[in-house]
């Protein structure tokens, strides 16, 4: 079978830790090109992988040597790079958040529909073993009616692993649009929708810059979320956790409590109302440390959706739904009011 020719647009840390190594080990993929606005970086990565180097995503897209691309750029370029690729008949895996506005996200979705090509957003938390198992338990009715939840994603900040450090686009509002809430919080909005099987409809939030005095984006956000059936819970996203990363979620139900990624040994612990405790030993959640280690499965699922001509597991429409919760959180901080997600 002919291999899928893939290019990667943006050669920063997420490309180096995730996309490039995961494409390289996929037997159905031939890496053919990389692109970065920094020529030295593009050339170095191209040499490492034995592929063509570009400094313009338009030139890569029009090169005729790619069937699909990953868009791993700063957030402000997600929409233009994605739309250009889709209009050229190229499938796109775009990093999260899908875009910096509802309008841009809708334009990306429309471009995918017009072209008939795949658009997938790289929300990886759905593919974590503990999250998959928790969703199954919830759907089976194992924990009964869900009353509440608490989800957290926090670490010391992108300056600790981004190739550009403190000077990087993560901390520049004109390029990033949003800080920790968009970098980490958007993962958790997608995860909650996946786990609970319903939409988040109302958001109240505090979104602040507490620690990064060199940044003009948020580094600390705490939100209260309400789902369509009335489940309420909290989401915290932070770049201010100076010690161990926290990527945990707790679901409080009628029959049991689910503790996800809350224990270093057992990524899923079920505490039943009758006192019984079940501890699951499953694969670990992904981190940004160790190239190619502990696959995210995002690339694998993207390639699979193209080869089997199936809807990607996280489509552009799914990416927009996660983004709208973030937009509601920002609007809540601005207006000091509870925001209805669909009002945006």
Protein backbone atom coordinates (compact mmCIF):
# COMPACT_ATOMS: atom_id res chain seq x y z
CA UNK A 1 0.00 0.00 0.00
CA UNK A 2 1.23 3.46 -0.88
CA UNK A 3 2.42 5.39 2.18
CA UNK A 4 0.85 8.66 3.26
CA UNK A 5 3.26 11.53 2.62
CA UNK A 6 3.28 13.86 5.61
CA UNK A 7 4.75 17.27 6.36
CA UNK A 8 4.98 19.05 9.72
CA UNK A 9 4.43 22.81 9.84
CA UNK A 10 6.14 24.29 12.90
CA UNK A 11 9.17 22.55 14.42
CA UNK A 12 8.84 23.53 18.07
CA UNK A 13 8.63 21.26 21.08
CA UNK A 14 5.25 19.65 20.36
CA UNK A 15 6.44 18.70 16.87
CA UNK A 16 9.76 17.40 18.19
CA UNK A 17 8.31 15.46 21.13
CA UNK A 18 5.09 14.18 19.57
CA UNK A 19 4.30 14.61 15.89
CA UNK A 20 7.65 13.90 14.24
CA UNK A 21 8.63 10.81 16.28
CA UNK A 22 5.11 9.39 16.10
CA UNK A 23 4.94 9.83 12.32
CA UNK A 24 8.39 8.26 12.00
CA UNK A 25 7.32 5.03 13.72
CA UNK A 26 4.01 4.78 11.83
CA UNK A 27 4.41 2.12 9.14
CA UNK A 28 1.81 3.80 6.92
CA UNK A 29 3.60 7.17 6.81
CA UNK A 30 6.51 8.65 4.89
CA UNK A 31 7.75 11.92 6.39
CA UNK A 32 8.61 14.16 3.45
CA UNK A 33 8.84 17.77 4.66
CA UNK A 34 9.09 20.15 7.61
CA UNK A 35 8.55 23.88 7.87
CA UNK A 36 9.57 26.52 10.38
CA UNK A 37 9.95 30.29 10.13
CA UNK A 38 13.39 29.86 11.74
CA UNK A 39 15.54 28.51 8.90
CA UNK A 40 18.20 27.03 11.18
CA UNK A 41 15.59 25.05 13.08
CA UNK A 42 13.86 23.86 9.90
CA UNK A 43 17.20 22.79 8.39
CA UNK A 44 18.30 20.95 11.55
CA UNK A 45 15.04 19.00 11.85
CA UNK A 46 14.99 18.28 8.12
CA UNK A 47 18.51 16.86 8.36
CA UNK A 48 17.57 14.75 11.39
CA UNK A 49 14.62 13.19 9.57
CA UNK A 50 16.01 13.21 6.04
CA UNK A 51 13.24 15.38 4.60
CA UNK A 52 12.82 18.65 2.68
CA UNK A 53 12.95 21.95 4.62
CA UNK A 54 10.74 25.00 4.10
CA UNK A 55 10.39 28.35 5.86
CA UNK A 56 6.98 29.13 4.33
CA UNK A 57 3.96 26.93 4.96
CA UNK A 58 2.49 28.07 1.63
CA UNK A 59 5.52 26.69 -0.21
CA UNK A 60 5.34 23.39 1.66
CA UNK A 61 1.62 23.07 0.91
CA UNK A 62 2.19 23.80 -2.80
CA UNK A 63 5.27 21.57 -3.07
CA UNK A 64 3.34 18.54 -4.29
CA UNK A 65 5.18 16.25 -1.84
CA UNK A 66 2.61 16.01 0.96
CA UNK A 67 -0.80 14.36 1.30
CA UNK A 68 -1.30 15.46 4.91
CA UNK A 69 0.21 17.93 7.37
CA UNK A 70 0.42 18.58 11.07
CA UNK A 71 -0.03 22.23 12.00
CA UNK A 72 2.18 22.82 15.07
CA UNK A 73 2.56 26.58 14.80
CA UNK A 74 1.68 29.37 17.20
CA UNK A 75 -2.07 29.55 17.77
CA UNK A 76 -2.62 32.57 15.52
CA UNK A 77 -1.42 30.58 12.48
CA UNK A 78 -3.64 27.53 13.06
CA UNK A 79 -6.45 28.89 10.90
CA UNK A 80 -4.47 30.30 7.94
CA UNK A 81 -2.18 27.26 7.66
CA UNK A 82 -5.03 24.77 8.07
CA UNK A 83 -7.34 26.50 5.59
CA UNK A 84 -4.55 26.82 3.00
CA UNK A 85 -3.74 23.12 3.32
CA UNK A 86 -7.38 21.97 3.13
CA UNK A 87 -8.01 24.18 0.08
CA UNK A 88 -4.99 22.55 -1.57
CA UNK A 89 -6.55 19.11 -1.00
CA UNK A 90 -4.35 18.17 1.97
CA UNK A 91 -5.56 16.50 5.19
CA UNK A 92 -4.78 18.41 8.42
CA UNK A 93 -3.99 17.46 12.01
CA UNK A 94 -4.04 20.77 13.88
CA UNK A 95 -2.70 21.33 17.37
CA UNK A 96 -5.05 22.65 20.04
CA UNK A 97 -6.77 24.98 20.54
CA UNK A 98 -8.35 24.74 17.10
CA UNK A 99 -8.14 28.52 16.59
CA UNK A 100 -8.10 31.88 18.34
CA UNK A 101 -11.74 32.72 17.57
CA UNK A 102 -15.07 31.06 16.87
CA UNK A 103 -15.08 32.63 13.40
CA UNK A 104 -11.67 31.19 12.47
CA UNK A 105 -12.66 27.75 13.76
CA UNK A 106 -15.86 27.83 11.71
CA UNK A 107 -13.85 28.82 8.62
CA UNK A 108 -11.54 25.82 9.17
CA UNK A 109 -14.51 23.47 9.51
CA UNK A 110 -16.09 24.89 6.35
CA UNK A 111 -12.81 24.45 4.43
CA UNK A 112 -12.69 20.80 5.47
CA UNK A 113 -16.27 20.25 4.35
CA UNK A 114 -15.68 21.92 0.98
CA UNK A 115 -12.48 19.99 0.30
CA UNK A 116 -13.69 16.62 1.54
CA UNK A 117 -10.39 16.27 3.43
CA UNK A 118 -9.91 15.30 7.08
CA UNK A 119 -9.49 17.88 9.83
CA UNK A 120 -8.54 16.56 13.26
CA UNK A 121 -7.65 18.54 16.39
CA UNK A 122 -4.86 17.15 18.59
CA UNK A 123 -6.69 16.72 21.89
CA UNK A 124 -4.81 13.72 23.30
CA UNK A 125 -6.56 13.21 26.65
CA UNK A 126 -9.29 11.08 25.08
CA UNK A 127 -6.70 8.43 24.28
CA UNK A 128 -5.32 8.05 27.83
CA UNK A 129 -6.14 4.50 29.07
CA UNK A 130 -7.57 5.67 32.41
CA UNK A 131 -9.87 8.12 30.63
CA UNK A 132 -11.09 5.47 28.17
CA UNK A 133 -11.84 3.07 31.02
CA UNK A 134 -13.59 5.77 33.08
CA UNK A 135 -15.85 6.65 30.15
CA UNK A 136 -16.77 2.97 29.81
CA UNK A 137 -17.62 2.72 33.53
CA UNK A 138 -19.77 5.87 33.33
CA UNK A 139 -21.61 4.62 30.24
CA UNK A 140 -22.23 1.24 31.90
CA UNK A 141 -23.88 3.01 34.84
CA UNK A 142 -21.18 1.74 37.19
CA UNK A 143 -21.05 4.97 39.19
CA UNK A 144 -24.71 5.90 38.79
CA UNK A 145 -25.86 9.48 38.49
CA UNK A 146 -22.95 11.94 38.35
CA UNK A 147 -23.16 14.76 40.86
CA UNK A 148 -19.93 16.70 40.42
CA UNK A 149 -16.36 16.71 39.11
CA UNK A 150 -12.99 18.33 39.64
CA UNK A 151 -10.34 18.48 36.93
CA UNK A 152 -6.87 20.04 37.01
CA UNK A 153 -4.05 20.53 34.54
CA UNK A 154 -1.10 22.41 35.93
CA UNK A 155 2.69 22.56 35.60
CA UNK A 156 5.49 25.09 35.83
CA UNK A 157 4.85 26.64 32.44
CA UNK A 158 5.94 26.27 28.78
CA UNK A 159 9.21 28.11 29.39
CA UNK A 160 10.46 24.88 30.96
CA UNK A 161 10.07 22.80 27.78
CA UNK A 162 9.34 25.13 24.84
CA UNK A 163 12.26 25.49 22.42
CA UNK A 164 12.01 29.29 22.75
CA UNK A 165 11.78 29.53 26.55
CA UNK A 166 10.45 32.75 28.08
CA UNK A 167 10.75 34.53 24.76
CA UNK A 168 8.39 32.13 23.02
CA UNK A 169 4.99 32.73 21.45
CA UNK A 170 3.18 31.04 24.35
CA UNK A 171 3.57 34.24 26.37
CA UNK A 172 2.66 36.70 23.60
CA UNK A 173 -1.06 37.47 23.43
CA UNK A 174 -0.98 38.45 19.75
CA UNK A 175 0.31 34.98 18.85
CA UNK A 176 -1.11 32.77 21.61
CA UNK A 177 -4.43 34.62 22.19
CA UNK A 178 -4.74 32.91 25.58
CA UNK A 179 -2.33 31.38 28.11
CA UNK A 180 -2.79 28.45 30.48
CA UNK A 181 -6.54 28.37 29.88
CA UNK A 182 -6.01 27.72 26.17
CA UNK A 183 -2.88 25.61 26.50
CA UNK A 184 -4.10 23.30 29.28
CA UNK A 185 -7.70 24.17 30.04
CA UNK A 186 -8.87 23.38 26.51
CA UNK A 187 -7.60 19.81 26.95
CA UNK A 188 -9.78 19.44 30.01
CA UNK A 189 -12.89 20.91 28.40
CA UNK A 190 -12.58 18.30 25.66
CA UNK A 191 -11.95 15.57 28.22
CA UNK A 192 -14.98 16.47 30.34
CA UNK A 193 -17.25 16.42 27.29
CA UNK A 194 -15.82 13.01 26.38
CA UNK A 195 -16.12 11.51 29.88
CA UNK A 196 -19.54 12.88 30.75
CA UNK A 197 -21.05 12.47 27.31
CA UNK A 198 -22.71 15.87 27.36
CA UNK A 199 -22.02 19.51 26.65
CA UNK A 200 -20.87 22.23 29.03
CA UNK A 201 -23.49 24.98 28.85
CA UNK A 202 -22.54 27.58 31.49
CA UNK A 203 -19.17 28.91 32.68
CA UNK A 204 -18.04 31.18 35.50
CA UNK A 205 -14.34 31.90 35.87
CA UNK A 206 -11.39 33.77 37.30
CA UNK A 207 -8.56 34.04 34.75
CA UNK A 208 -5.42 35.74 36.06
CA UNK A 209 -1.72 36.36 35.50
CA UNK A 210 -0.15 35.49 38.85
CA UNK A 211 3.45 34.41 38.31
CA UNK A 212 4.65 35.18 34.79
CA UNK A 213 5.44 38.89 34.97
CA UNK A 214 7.10 38.64 31.54
CA UNK A 215 3.85 37.43 29.91
CA UNK A 216 0.71 39.22 28.76
CA UNK A 217 -1.47 36.10 28.87
CA UNK A 218 -3.06 34.25 31.78
CA UNK A 219 -1.07 31.72 33.80
CA UNK A 220 -3.75 30.71 36.32
CA UNK A 221 -7.44 30.02 35.75
CA UNK A 222 -10.18 28.46 37.85
CA UNK A 223 -13.62 27.85 36.34
CA UNK A 224 -16.96 26.57 37.52
CA UNK A 225 -18.72 24.59 34.80
CA UNK A 226 -22.29 23.35 34.44
CA UNK A 227 -23.39 20.68 31.97
CA UNK A 228 -26.68 20.38 30.15
CA UNK A 229 -28.04 17.86 32.68
CA UNK A 230 -27.01 20.06 35.61
CA UNK A 231 -23.71 18.48 36.70
CA UNK A 232 -21.50 21.14 38.26
CA UNK A 233 -17.76 21.04 38.83
CA UNK A 234 -14.48 22.90 38.66
CA UNK A 235 -11.64 23.15 36.16
CA UNK A 236 -8.24 24.59 37.05
CA UNK A 237 -5.55 25.34 34.48
CA UNK A 238 -2.20 26.66 35.65
CA UNK A 239 1.36 27.43 34.66
CA UNK A 240 2.23 28.15 38.31
CA UNK A 241 2.76 24.64 39.73
CA UNK A 242 6.46 24.76 40.61
CA UNK A 243 6.80 21.11 41.64
CA UNK A 244 5.01 18.03 40.34
CA UNK A 245 2.66 18.32 37.36
CA UNK A 246 -1.01 17.72 38.17
CA UNK A 247 -3.18 16.25 35.41
CA UNK A 248 -5.92 14.71 37.54
CA UNK A 249 -9.68 14.41 37.26
CA UNK A 250 -12.15 13.24 39.90
CA UNK A 251 -15.74 12.29 39.10
CA UNK A 252 -18.18 12.17 42.02
CA UNK A 253 -21.13 9.85 41.41
CA UNK A 254 -24.08 8.27 43.17
CA UNK A 255 -22.45 4.84 43.51
CA UNK A 256 -18.73 5.62 43.35
CA UNK A 257 -15.95 8.16 42.98
CA UNK A 258 -13.54 7.87 40.05
CA UNK A 259 -10.00 9.15 40.64
CA UNK A 260 -8.14 9.60 37.35
CA UNK A 261 -4.38 10.24 37.18
CA UNK A 262 -4.50 11.12 40.87
CA UNK A 263 -2.18 8.32 42.03
CA UNK A 264 1.36 7.66 40.67
CA UNK A 265 0.86 3.88 40.57
CA UNK A 266 -2.83 3.43 39.76
CA UNK A 267 -4.10 5.85 37.09
CA UNK A 268 -7.69 4.90 37.82
CA UNK A 269 -9.04 4.23 41.31
CA UNK A 270 -12.73 3.51 41.87
CA UNK A 271 -13.98 4.11 45.42
CA UNK A 272 -17.44 2.58 45.81
CA UNK A 273 -20.10 3.79 48.25
CA UNK A 274 -20.05 0.38 50.00
CA UNK A 275 -16.38 0.82 50.90
CA UNK A 276 -14.92 -1.35 48.14
CA UNK A 277 -11.91 0.13 46.31
CA UNK A 278 -10.74 -1.06 42.88
CA UNK A 279 -7.32 0.03 41.64
CA UNK A 280 -6.49 -0.25 37.94
CA UNK A 281 -2.96 -0.55 36.57
CA UNK A 282 -3.07 1.00 33.09
CA UNK A 283 -0.67 2.82 30.79
CA UNK A 284 0.64 6.16 32.00
CA UNK A 285 -0.60 9.54 30.82
CA UNK A 286 1.61 11.30 28.27
CA UNK A 287 4.11 13.94 29.25
CA UNK A 288 6.45 16.13 27.24
CA UNK A 289 9.52 14.27 28.40
CA UNK A 290 11.16 11.51 26.38
CA UNK A 291 10.96 11.65 22.59
CA UNK A 292 8.65 9.01 21.19
CA UNK A 293 8.00 7.56 24.63
CA UNK A 294 4.47 6.79 25.73
CA UNK A 295 2.67 7.60 22.48
CA UNK A 296 -0.22 10.07 22.48
CA UNK A 297 -2.04 8.04 19.74
CA UNK A 298 -3.14 11.32 18.12
CA UNK A 299 -1.02 10.77 15.00
CA UNK A 300 -2.04 7.11 14.84
CA UNK A 301 -5.77 8.02 14.95
CA UNK A 302 -5.32 10.79 12.37
CA UNK A 303 -3.56 8.49 9.91
CA UNK A 304 -6.15 5.78 10.51
CA UNK A 305 -9.02 8.18 9.77
CA UNK A 306 -7.45 9.05 6.39
CA UNK A 307 -6.64 5.48 5.36
CA UNK A 308 -10.06 4.15 6.39
CA UNK A 309 -11.88 7.29 5.18
CA UNK A 310 -13.56 7.77 8.55
CA UNK A 311 -14.51 10.83 10.58
CA UNK A 312 -11.54 11.71 12.84
CA UNK A 313 -12.24 11.06 16.55
CA UNK A 314 -11.75 14.76 17.33
CA UNK A 315 -13.12 16.62 14.32
CA UNK A 316 -13.04 20.35 13.76
CA UNK A 317 -16.56 20.58 15.18
CA UNK A 318 -15.38 18.84 18.37
CA UNK A 319 -12.43 21.24 18.57
CA UNK A 320 -14.80 24.21 18.26
CA UNK A 321 -16.97 22.93 21.12
CA UNK A 322 -13.92 22.77 23.40
CA UNK A 323 -12.80 26.25 22.28
CA UNK A 324 -16.20 27.78 23.01
CA UNK A 325 -15.88 26.81 26.68
CA UNK A 326 -12.55 28.67 26.78
CA UNK A 327 -14.11 31.69 25.10
CA UNK A 328 -16.91 31.61 27.68
CA UNK A 329 -14.33 31.51 30.50
CA UNK A 330 -12.59 34.59 29.09
CA UNK A 331 -15.92 36.39 28.71
CA UNK A 332 -16.86 35.50 32.29
CA UNK A 333 -13.60 36.97 33.59
CA UNK A 334 -14.17 40.10 31.53
CA UNK A 335 -17.81 40.67 32.49
CA UNK A 336 -17.76 39.09 35.99
CA UNK A 337 -20.89 37.15 34.97
CA UNK A 338 -21.89 33.53 34.37
CA UNK A 339 -21.75 33.00 30.60
CA UNK A 340 -23.97 30.70 28.54
CA UNK A 341 -21.69 28.95 26.07
CA UNK A 342 -24.19 29.05 23.22
CA UNK A 343 -24.57 32.82 23.58
CA UNK A 344 -21.09 33.38 22.14
